[in-house]
Amino acid sequence: MELKTLLAPQFNVDFDDLLEKGGRTVLDTPEIGLFFSAEVMRGEDSDKICFTSSALIITPELDNFIAFCTAILGNDIAGYGVITEHDHFMMNIKCFSRIWDGLYIHVRHDDEINIDELAIEITIKHDQL
């Protein structure tokens, strides 16, 4: 089953609506308890939906989402799965991530604009639309 179909039930917003609309969307209710905006980035072979939050914390909702992803996708490429105390430490020092094929949960840091944000990036290949 494609990633978009597997992950969509975990979100309130409709992925197809976001993809059709494109650009940045401010969400009425936070996704996974943290994410108040989503942005669609178009690519040649795939599109990416990126949910972002300025809160660098692991909430129970994010913990549950990562546990769900681990249950259906297995451990990430580095061998990490469900949240541990070490992950809370890594979030505090802005080095947290989980990486699966097509799904990237991480802290993004940009020195130029002095921003740190937590992001969930979901890649949707065009042949899966």
Protein backbone atom coordinates (compact mmCIF):
# COMPACT_ATOMS: atom_id res chain seq x y z
CA MET A 1 0.00 0.00 0.00
CA GLU A 2 1.28 3.49 -0.78
CA LEU A 3 2.59 5.73 2.00
CA LYS A 4 -0.04 8.43 1.44
CA THR A 5 -2.83 5.90 1.99
CA LEU A 6 -1.15 4.43 5.08
CA LEU A 7 -0.52 7.78 6.76
CA ALA A 8 -3.66 9.72 5.77
CA PRO A 9 -5.87 8.30 8.58
CA GLN A 10 -3.41 9.72 11.14
CA PHE A 11 -4.18 13.26 9.95
CA ASN A 12 -7.34 15.38 10.00
CA VAL A 13 -6.49 17.26 6.82
CA ASP A 14 -7.12 15.61 3.44
CA PHE A 15 -3.83 14.98 1.62
CA ASP A 16 -5.50 15.14 -1.80
CA ASP A 17 -6.97 18.57 -0.99
CA LEU A 18 -3.55 19.82 0.12
CA LEU A 19 -1.93 18.50 -3.06
CA GLU A 20 -4.62 20.06 -5.25
CA LYS A 21 -4.38 23.43 -3.50
CA GLY A 22 -0.57 23.51 -3.40
CA GLY A 23 1.52 26.10 -1.58
CA ARG A 24 1.33 26.81 2.15
CA THR A 25 -1.81 26.20 4.19
CA VAL A 26 -2.47 27.37 7.73
CA LEU A 27 -4.42 24.58 9.42
CA ASP A 28 -7.56 25.19 11.49
CA THR A 29 -6.57 22.55 14.03
CA PRO A 30 -3.07 21.29 14.73
CA GLU A 31 -2.07 18.00 13.18
CA ILE A 32 -0.56 15.49 15.60
CA GLY A 33 -1.01 18.09 18.33
CA LEU A 34 1.85 20.27 17.00
CA PHE A 35 1.66 21.18 13.35
CA PHE A 36 -0.27 24.34 12.43
CA SER A 37 0.86 24.62 8.82
CA ALA A 38 1.43 22.44 5.80
CA GLU A 39 3.25 23.22 2.60
CA VAL A 40 3.18 21.36 -0.69
CA MET A 41 6.46 21.42 -2.59
CA ARG A 42 6.21 20.30 -6.20
CA GLY A 43 8.91 18.16 -7.77
CA GLU A 44 9.54 16.59 -11.13
CA ASP A 45 8.91 13.00 -10.01
CA SER A 46 7.19 13.57 -6.68
CA ASP A 47 5.50 16.12 -4.46
CA LYS A 48 6.21 16.64 -0.80
CA ILE A 49 3.76 17.60 1.94
CA CYS A 50 5.64 19.22 4.80
CA PHE A 51 3.99 19.85 8.17
CA THR A 52 5.93 22.26 10.39
CA SER A 53 5.93 23.44 14.00
CA SER A 54 8.05 25.88 15.93
CA ALA A 55 7.59 23.71 19.05
CA LEU A 56 10.56 21.39 19.45
CA ILE A 57 8.92 18.85 21.76
CA ILE A 58 7.79 15.27 21.63
CA THR A 59 4.13 15.33 22.54
CA PRO A 60 2.09 12.21 23.29
CA GLU A 61 0.50 12.61 19.83
CA LEU A 62 3.91 12.68 18.12
CA ASP A 63 5.04 9.73 20.24
CA ASN A 64 1.92 7.80 19.11
CA PHE A 65 2.46 8.80 15.47
CA ILE A 66 6.05 7.56 15.52
CA ALA A 67 4.93 4.34 17.23
CA PHE A 68 2.33 3.91 14.46
CA CYS A 69 4.97 4.53 11.75
CA THR A 70 7.33 2.06 13.41
CA ALA A 71 4.57 -0.56 13.60
CA ILE A 72 3.71 -0.32 9.90
CA LEU A 73 7.11 0.62 8.40
CA GLY A 74 9.53 -0.98 10.86
CA ASN A 75 12.48 0.83 12.39
CA ASP A 76 13.85 3.76 10.39
CA ILE A 77 17.00 3.57 8.25
CA ALA A 78 19.21 4.19 11.30
CA GLY A 79 17.47 1.43 13.27
CA TYR A 80 15.43 3.77 15.48
CA GLY A 81 11.79 3.07 16.27
CA VAL A 82 9.56 4.12 19.12
CA ILE A 83 10.46 7.16 21.21
CA THR A 84 12.94 6.71 24.06
CA GLU A 85 14.38 9.08 26.68
CA HIS A 86 17.37 9.56 24.39
CA ASP A 87 15.02 11.04 21.75
CA HIS A 88 13.86 13.70 24.21
CA PHE A 89 17.51 14.62 24.78
CA MET A 90 18.15 14.70 21.02
CA MET A 91 15.13 16.96 20.52
CA ASN A 92 16.49 19.35 23.17
CA ILE A 93 19.78 19.65 21.32
CA LYS A 94 17.97 19.92 17.95
CA CYS A 95 19.29 16.65 16.52
CA PHE A 96 16.13 14.55 16.43
CA SER A 97 15.09 12.56 13.34
CA ARG A 98 13.34 9.49 12.01
CA ILE A 99 13.86 8.58 8.35
CA TRP A 100 11.89 6.04 6.36
CA ASP A 101 11.52 5.80 2.59
CA GLY A 102 9.23 8.72 1.76
CA LEU A 103 8.80 9.89 5.36
CA TYR A 104 11.17 12.19 7.21
CA ILE A 105 10.49 13.50 10.73
CA HIS A 106 13.21 15.86 11.88
CA VAL A 107 14.32 19.18 13.33
CA ARG A 108 15.19 21.59 10.55
CA HIS A 109 17.73 24.30 11.31
CA ASP A 110 18.47 27.29 9.12
CA ASP A 111 21.22 29.65 10.28
CA GLU A 112 20.47 32.21 7.58
CA ILE A 113 16.98 32.95 8.85
CA ASN A 114 17.67 31.79 12.41
CA ILE A 115 14.90 29.23 12.54
CA ASP A 116 14.46 25.84 14.12
CA GLU A 117 11.34 23.86 13.45
CA LEU A 118 10.06 20.35 13.72
CA ALA A 119 8.92 18.94 10.39
CA ILE A 120 7.14 15.90 9.03
CA GLU A 121 7.88 15.53 5.33
CA ILE A 122 5.85 13.03 3.32
CA THR A 123 6.99 12.36 -0.24
CA ILE A 124 4.33 11.29 -2.71
CA LYS A 125 5.59 9.96 -6.01
CA HIS A 126 3.64 11.12 -9.04
CA ASP A 127 2.82 7.56 -10.08
CA GLN A 128 1.00 7.20 -6.70
CA LEU A 129 -1.28 10.23 -7.14
